[in-house]
N, C-alpha and C. Protein backbone atom coordinates (compact mmCIF):
# COMPACT_ATOMS: atom_id res chain seq x y z
N UNK A 1 -5.46 3.37 -19.29
CA UNK A 1 -4.25 3.48 -18.52
C UNK A 1 -4.18 4.85 -17.86
N UNK A 2 -3.84 4.85 -16.59
CA UNK A 2 -3.71 6.11 -15.84
C UNK A 2 -2.28 6.62 -15.91
N UNK A 3 -2.12 7.88 -15.57
CA UNK A 3 -0.80 8.49 -15.37
C UNK A 3 -0.74 9.05 -13.97
N UNK A 4 0.44 8.95 -13.38
CA UNK A 4 0.65 9.53 -12.05
C UNK A 4 0.42 11.03 -12.15
N UNK A 5 -0.37 11.57 -11.25
CA UNK A 5 -0.68 13.01 -11.27
C UNK A 5 0.52 13.85 -10.91
N UNK A 6 1.57 13.27 -10.38
CA UNK A 6 2.74 14.06 -10.03
C UNK A 6 3.83 13.96 -11.11
N UNK A 7 4.30 12.73 -11.39
CA UNK A 7 5.44 12.56 -12.31
C UNK A 7 5.02 12.19 -13.74
N UNK A 8 3.74 11.92 -13.94
CA UNK A 8 3.17 11.55 -15.24
C UNK A 8 3.60 10.16 -15.76
N UNK A 9 4.20 9.36 -14.90
CA UNK A 9 4.54 7.98 -15.26
C UNK A 9 3.27 7.22 -15.51
N UNK A 10 3.27 6.34 -16.53
CA UNK A 10 2.11 5.49 -16.82
C UNK A 10 1.92 4.48 -15.69
N UNK A 11 0.67 4.31 -15.27
CA UNK A 11 0.32 3.32 -14.27
C UNK A 11 -0.49 2.25 -15.00
N UNK A 12 0.10 1.09 -15.17
CA UNK A 12 -0.55 0.02 -15.92
C UNK A 12 -1.64 -0.64 -15.06
N UNK A 13 -2.51 -1.39 -15.72
CA UNK A 13 -3.69 -1.98 -15.10
C UNK A 13 -3.39 -2.77 -13.82
N UNK A 14 -2.33 -3.56 -13.81
CA UNK A 14 -2.04 -4.40 -12.65
C UNK A 14 -0.99 -3.81 -11.70
N UNK A 15 -0.53 -2.59 -11.97
CA UNK A 15 0.44 -1.94 -11.11
C UNK A 15 -0.25 -1.40 -9.86
N UNK A 16 0.47 -1.36 -8.75
CA UNK A 16 -0.09 -0.73 -7.55
C UNK A 16 -0.30 0.76 -7.84
N UNK A 17 -1.34 1.33 -7.24
CA UNK A 17 -1.60 2.76 -7.43
C UNK A 17 -1.97 3.34 -6.07
N UNK A 18 -1.60 4.58 -5.85
CA UNK A 18 -1.92 5.26 -4.61
C UNK A 18 -2.91 6.36 -4.96
N UNK A 19 -3.78 6.69 -4.02
CA UNK A 19 -4.79 7.69 -4.25
C UNK A 19 -4.71 8.79 -3.21
N UNK A 20 -5.02 10.00 -3.65
CA UNK A 20 -5.11 11.15 -2.77
C UNK A 20 -6.43 11.84 -3.08
N UNK A 21 -7.41 11.71 -2.19
CA UNK A 21 -8.74 12.28 -2.45
C UNK A 21 -8.80 13.68 -1.86
N UNK A 22 -9.57 14.53 -2.55
CA UNK A 22 -9.64 15.93 -2.17
C UNK A 22 -11.06 16.44 -2.14
N UNK A 23 -11.27 17.50 -1.42
CA UNK A 23 -12.54 18.24 -1.39
C UNK A 23 -12.24 19.60 -1.99
N UNK A 24 -13.07 20.05 -2.93
CA UNK A 24 -12.87 21.32 -3.59
C UNK A 24 -13.18 22.48 -2.65
N UNK A 25 -12.55 23.61 -2.91
CA UNK A 25 -12.85 24.83 -2.18
C UNK A 25 -14.22 25.34 -2.59
N UNK A 26 -14.80 26.18 -1.76
CA UNK A 26 -16.14 26.71 -2.04
C UNK A 26 -16.13 27.44 -3.40
N UNK A 27 -17.14 27.14 -4.19
CA UNK A 27 -17.27 27.78 -5.52
C UNK A 27 -16.63 27.02 -6.65
N UNK A 28 -15.82 26.01 -6.34
CA UNK A 28 -15.18 25.19 -7.39
C UNK A 28 -16.15 24.08 -7.75
N UNK A 29 -16.49 23.97 -9.03
CA UNK A 29 -17.49 23.01 -9.45
C UNK A 29 -17.03 22.26 -10.70
N UNK A 30 -16.87 20.96 -10.56
CA UNK A 30 -16.51 20.10 -11.67
C UNK A 30 -17.63 19.08 -11.95
N UNK A 31 -18.87 19.41 -11.52
CA UNK A 31 -19.97 18.45 -11.66
C UNK A 31 -20.22 18.06 -13.10
N UNK A 32 -19.90 18.92 -14.04
CA UNK A 32 -20.09 18.59 -15.45
C UNK A 32 -19.04 17.60 -15.95
N UNK A 33 -18.08 17.28 -15.11
CA UNK A 33 -17.02 16.35 -15.49
C UNK A 33 -17.05 15.08 -14.65
N UNK A 34 -18.15 14.83 -13.94
CA UNK A 34 -18.28 13.66 -13.11
C UNK A 34 -17.94 12.36 -13.84
N UNK A 35 -17.19 11.52 -13.17
CA UNK A 35 -16.88 10.20 -13.75
C UNK A 35 -15.82 10.22 -14.81
N UNK A 36 -15.13 11.33 -14.93
CA UNK A 36 -14.10 11.41 -15.97
C UNK A 36 -12.77 11.86 -15.40
N UNK A 37 -11.75 11.72 -16.22
CA UNK A 37 -10.44 12.22 -15.87
C UNK A 37 -10.30 13.57 -16.59
N UNK A 38 -10.01 14.58 -15.83
CA UNK A 38 -9.87 15.94 -16.38
C UNK A 38 -8.57 16.54 -15.91
N UNK A 39 -8.20 17.66 -16.43
CA UNK A 39 -6.97 18.33 -16.05
C UNK A 39 -7.26 19.43 -15.03
N UNK A 40 -6.44 19.51 -14.02
CA UNK A 40 -6.54 20.56 -13.00
C UNK A 40 -5.28 21.40 -13.08
N UNK A 41 -5.42 22.70 -13.27
CA UNK A 41 -4.28 23.60 -13.32
C UNK A 41 -3.78 23.86 -11.91
N UNK A 42 -2.47 23.64 -11.69
CA UNK A 42 -1.85 23.92 -10.41
C UNK A 42 -0.95 25.15 -10.57
N UNK A 43 -1.36 26.24 -9.99
CA UNK A 43 -0.61 27.50 -10.09
C UNK A 43 0.84 27.35 -9.58
N UNK A 44 0.97 26.65 -8.47
CA UNK A 44 2.31 26.54 -7.84
C UNK A 44 3.28 25.71 -8.63
N UNK A 45 2.78 24.86 -9.54
CA UNK A 45 3.65 24.05 -10.41
C UNK A 45 3.68 24.58 -11.82
N UNK A 46 2.78 25.53 -12.11
CA UNK A 46 2.66 26.10 -13.46
C UNK A 46 2.41 25.02 -14.52
N UNK A 47 1.54 24.08 -14.18
CA UNK A 47 1.21 22.98 -15.08
C UNK A 47 -0.16 22.40 -14.69
N UNK A 48 -0.71 21.61 -15.56
CA UNK A 48 -1.95 20.90 -15.23
C UNK A 48 -1.65 19.45 -14.99
N UNK A 49 -2.49 18.82 -14.17
CA UNK A 49 -2.29 17.41 -13.81
C UNK A 49 -3.61 16.68 -13.94
N UNK A 50 -3.58 15.36 -14.21
CA UNK A 50 -4.83 14.60 -14.32
C UNK A 50 -5.48 14.39 -12.95
N UNK A 51 -6.80 14.55 -12.98
CA UNK A 51 -7.59 14.40 -11.74
C UNK A 51 -8.85 13.61 -12.10
N UNK A 52 -9.23 12.67 -11.25
CA UNK A 52 -10.44 11.89 -11.44
C UNK A 52 -11.56 12.55 -10.64
N UNK A 53 -12.63 12.94 -11.30
CA UNK A 53 -13.76 13.59 -10.64
C UNK A 53 -14.77 12.52 -10.21
N UNK A 54 -15.13 12.50 -8.94
CA UNK A 54 -16.07 11.49 -8.44
C UNK A 54 -17.47 11.70 -8.99
N UNK A 55 -18.22 10.63 -9.04
CA UNK A 55 -19.63 10.74 -9.49
C UNK A 55 -20.49 11.00 -8.24
N UNK A 56 -21.62 11.61 -8.47
CA UNK A 56 -22.52 12.01 -7.37
C UNK A 56 -22.99 10.81 -6.54
N UNK A 57 -23.09 9.64 -7.19
CA UNK A 57 -23.62 8.47 -6.48
C UNK A 57 -22.52 7.49 -6.01
N UNK A 58 -21.27 7.92 -6.00
CA UNK A 58 -20.17 7.06 -5.57
C UNK A 58 -20.02 7.10 -4.06
N UNK A 59 -19.40 6.02 -3.54
CA UNK A 59 -19.08 5.98 -2.09
C UNK A 59 -18.15 7.10 -1.71
N UNK A 60 -17.22 7.42 -2.61
CA UNK A 60 -16.25 8.48 -2.29
C UNK A 60 -16.96 9.82 -2.09
N UNK A 61 -17.92 10.13 -2.95
CA UNK A 61 -18.69 11.38 -2.83
C UNK A 61 -19.44 11.41 -1.49
N UNK A 62 -20.03 10.25 -1.16
CA UNK A 62 -20.75 10.15 0.12
C UNK A 62 -19.79 10.38 1.30
N UNK A 63 -18.54 10.02 1.12
CA UNK A 63 -17.53 10.21 2.17
C UNK A 63 -16.92 11.61 2.13
N UNK A 64 -17.40 12.46 1.19
CA UNK A 64 -16.93 13.83 1.16
C UNK A 64 -15.81 14.13 0.16
N UNK A 65 -15.48 13.17 -0.70
CA UNK A 65 -14.42 13.39 -1.68
C UNK A 65 -15.01 13.86 -3.00
N UNK A 66 -14.46 14.95 -3.53
CA UNK A 66 -14.92 15.49 -4.82
C UNK A 66 -14.08 14.94 -5.97
N UNK A 67 -12.83 14.60 -5.70
CA UNK A 67 -11.95 14.15 -6.75
C UNK A 67 -10.81 13.35 -6.14
N UNK A 68 -9.99 12.72 -7.01
CA UNK A 68 -8.90 11.90 -6.56
C UNK A 68 -7.76 12.03 -7.56
N UNK A 69 -6.54 12.05 -7.02
CA UNK A 69 -5.36 12.02 -7.84
C UNK A 69 -4.76 10.64 -7.75
N UNK A 70 -4.51 10.01 -8.91
CA UNK A 70 -3.86 8.69 -8.93
C UNK A 70 -2.35 8.94 -8.93
N UNK A 71 -1.63 8.18 -8.12
CA UNK A 71 -0.20 8.41 -7.94
C UNK A 71 0.52 7.07 -8.01
N UNK A 72 1.75 7.08 -8.53
CA UNK A 72 2.48 5.83 -8.71
C UNK A 72 3.24 5.39 -7.48
N UNK A 73 3.40 6.28 -6.50
CA UNK A 73 4.17 5.94 -5.30
C UNK A 73 3.80 6.87 -4.13
N UNK A 74 4.18 6.46 -2.95
CA UNK A 74 3.94 7.32 -1.79
C UNK A 74 4.81 8.58 -1.90
N UNK A 75 5.98 8.45 -2.48
CA UNK A 75 6.87 9.62 -2.67
C UNK A 75 6.18 10.67 -3.52
N UNK A 76 5.56 10.27 -4.63
CA UNK A 76 4.84 11.23 -5.47
C UNK A 76 3.63 11.77 -4.71
N UNK A 77 3.01 10.94 -3.90
CA UNK A 77 1.88 11.37 -3.10
C UNK A 77 2.23 12.48 -2.10
N UNK A 78 3.39 12.30 -1.48
CA UNK A 78 3.84 13.32 -0.51
C UNK A 78 4.13 14.66 -1.20
N UNK A 79 4.72 14.59 -2.38
CA UNK A 79 5.01 15.82 -3.14
C UNK A 79 3.69 16.47 -3.57
N UNK A 80 2.71 15.66 -3.97
CA UNK A 80 1.42 16.23 -4.38
C UNK A 80 0.73 16.87 -3.18
N UNK A 81 0.78 16.27 -2.00
CA UNK A 81 0.17 16.87 -0.81
C UNK A 81 0.82 18.22 -0.50
N UNK A 82 2.14 18.31 -0.59
CA UNK A 82 2.83 19.56 -0.35
C UNK A 82 2.33 20.66 -1.30
N UNK A 83 2.15 20.29 -2.54
CA UNK A 83 1.69 21.25 -3.55
C UNK A 83 0.24 21.65 -3.26
N UNK A 84 -0.62 20.66 -2.98
CA UNK A 84 -2.03 20.96 -2.75
C UNK A 84 -2.25 21.85 -1.53
N UNK A 85 -1.34 21.80 -0.59
CA UNK A 85 -1.42 22.69 0.58
C UNK A 85 -1.37 24.15 0.18
N UNK A 86 -0.76 24.42 -0.97
CA UNK A 86 -0.60 25.77 -1.47
C UNK A 86 -1.73 26.19 -2.46
N UNK A 87 -2.51 25.22 -2.89
CA UNK A 87 -3.56 25.48 -3.89
C UNK A 87 -4.90 25.78 -3.20
N UNK A 88 -4.93 26.74 -2.34
CA UNK A 88 -6.11 26.99 -1.49
C UNK A 88 -7.31 27.56 -2.24
N UNK A 89 -7.11 28.10 -3.45
CA UNK A 89 -8.29 28.60 -4.17
C UNK A 89 -9.03 27.47 -4.85
N UNK A 90 -8.41 26.32 -5.01
CA UNK A 90 -9.05 25.18 -5.67
C UNK A 90 -9.36 24.05 -4.68
N UNK A 91 -8.43 23.73 -3.82
CA UNK A 91 -8.57 22.57 -2.91
C UNK A 91 -8.80 23.06 -1.48
N UNK A 92 -9.88 22.57 -0.90
CA UNK A 92 -10.21 22.90 0.50
C UNK A 92 -9.46 22.02 1.47
N UNK A 93 -9.48 20.70 1.21
CA UNK A 93 -8.81 19.75 2.10
C UNK A 93 -8.54 18.47 1.33
N UNK A 94 -7.68 17.64 1.90
CA UNK A 94 -7.40 16.33 1.31
C UNK A 94 -7.21 15.33 2.43
N UNK A 95 -7.34 14.06 2.07
CA UNK A 95 -7.18 13.00 3.01
C UNK A 95 -5.81 12.36 2.85
N UNK A 96 -5.48 11.46 3.72
CA UNK A 96 -4.18 10.80 3.64
C UNK A 96 -4.07 9.98 2.37
N UNK A 97 -2.85 9.76 1.94
CA UNK A 97 -2.57 8.91 0.77
C UNK A 97 -2.85 7.46 1.19
N UNK A 98 -3.47 6.73 0.31
CA UNK A 98 -3.75 5.33 0.62
C UNK A 98 -3.44 4.48 -0.59
N UNK A 99 -3.04 3.25 -0.34
CA UNK A 99 -2.69 2.33 -1.41
C UNK A 99 -3.94 1.62 -1.94
N UNK A 100 -3.92 1.42 -3.22
CA UNK A 100 -4.99 0.66 -3.90
C UNK A 100 -4.26 -0.45 -4.63
N UNK A 101 -4.80 -1.65 -4.56
CA UNK A 101 -4.10 -2.80 -5.15
C UNK A 101 -3.80 -2.57 -6.63
N UNK A 102 -4.82 -2.15 -7.39
CA UNK A 102 -4.62 -1.89 -8.79
C UNK A 102 -5.73 -0.98 -9.33
N UNK A 103 -5.62 -0.61 -10.57
CA UNK A 103 -6.54 0.34 -11.21
C UNK A 103 -7.97 -0.12 -11.11
N UNK A 104 -8.24 -1.40 -11.20
CA UNK A 104 -9.61 -1.92 -11.17
C UNK A 104 -10.34 -1.60 -9.86
N UNK A 105 -9.61 -1.37 -8.80
CA UNK A 105 -10.24 -1.07 -7.50
C UNK A 105 -10.63 0.39 -7.35
N UNK A 106 -10.45 1.19 -8.38
CA UNK A 106 -10.81 2.61 -8.31
C UNK A 106 -12.30 2.85 -8.46
N UNK A 107 -13.10 1.81 -8.55
CA UNK A 107 -14.55 1.98 -8.70
C UNK A 107 -15.16 2.68 -7.51
N UNK A 108 -14.43 2.74 -6.40
CA UNK A 108 -14.87 3.51 -5.22
C UNK A 108 -15.20 4.95 -5.60
N UNK A 109 -14.49 5.49 -6.56
CA UNK A 109 -14.67 6.87 -6.97
C UNK A 109 -15.74 7.03 -8.03
N UNK A 110 -15.81 6.09 -8.93
CA UNK A 110 -16.79 6.12 -10.01
C UNK A 110 -16.60 4.88 -10.85
N UNK A 111 -17.28 4.82 -11.96
CA UNK A 111 -17.18 3.62 -12.80
C UNK A 111 -16.31 3.88 -14.03
N UNK A 112 -15.36 4.79 -13.94
CA UNK A 112 -14.51 5.07 -15.07
C UNK A 112 -13.48 3.97 -15.27
N UNK A 113 -13.18 3.17 -14.22
CA UNK A 113 -12.10 2.20 -14.27
C UNK A 113 -12.25 1.21 -15.42
N UNK A 114 -13.47 0.94 -15.83
CA UNK A 114 -13.66 0.01 -16.95
C UNK A 114 -13.24 0.62 -18.26
N UNK A 115 -13.08 1.93 -18.30
CA UNK A 115 -12.67 2.61 -19.53
C UNK A 115 -11.16 2.80 -19.60
N UNK A 116 -10.43 2.48 -18.52
CA UNK A 116 -9.00 2.68 -18.48
C UNK A 116 -8.27 1.66 -19.33
């Protein structure tokens, strides 16, 4: 089961989920955490949030995404984007928020979805 990276609400297997993919800033390396959910410290919020690190062989990585934040709503996604705009030492850029039907469709980023 995932948690929203903004409000920490549980996102159940069949619930809709929104994703916000990001590219890390130069020098930021999470390659040892590929395919897992790890915590990312956000200075501007003074807290850590769950982040899914893409695998090297995933479609998302080929498209330039290093990680993804799972979000329960577009509202939480907008708040996360505002925060990430200020996290310039960690995040280089991010893409638009997009809807994903459910958790099972997150295989675009890696194969962790079977472990959720």
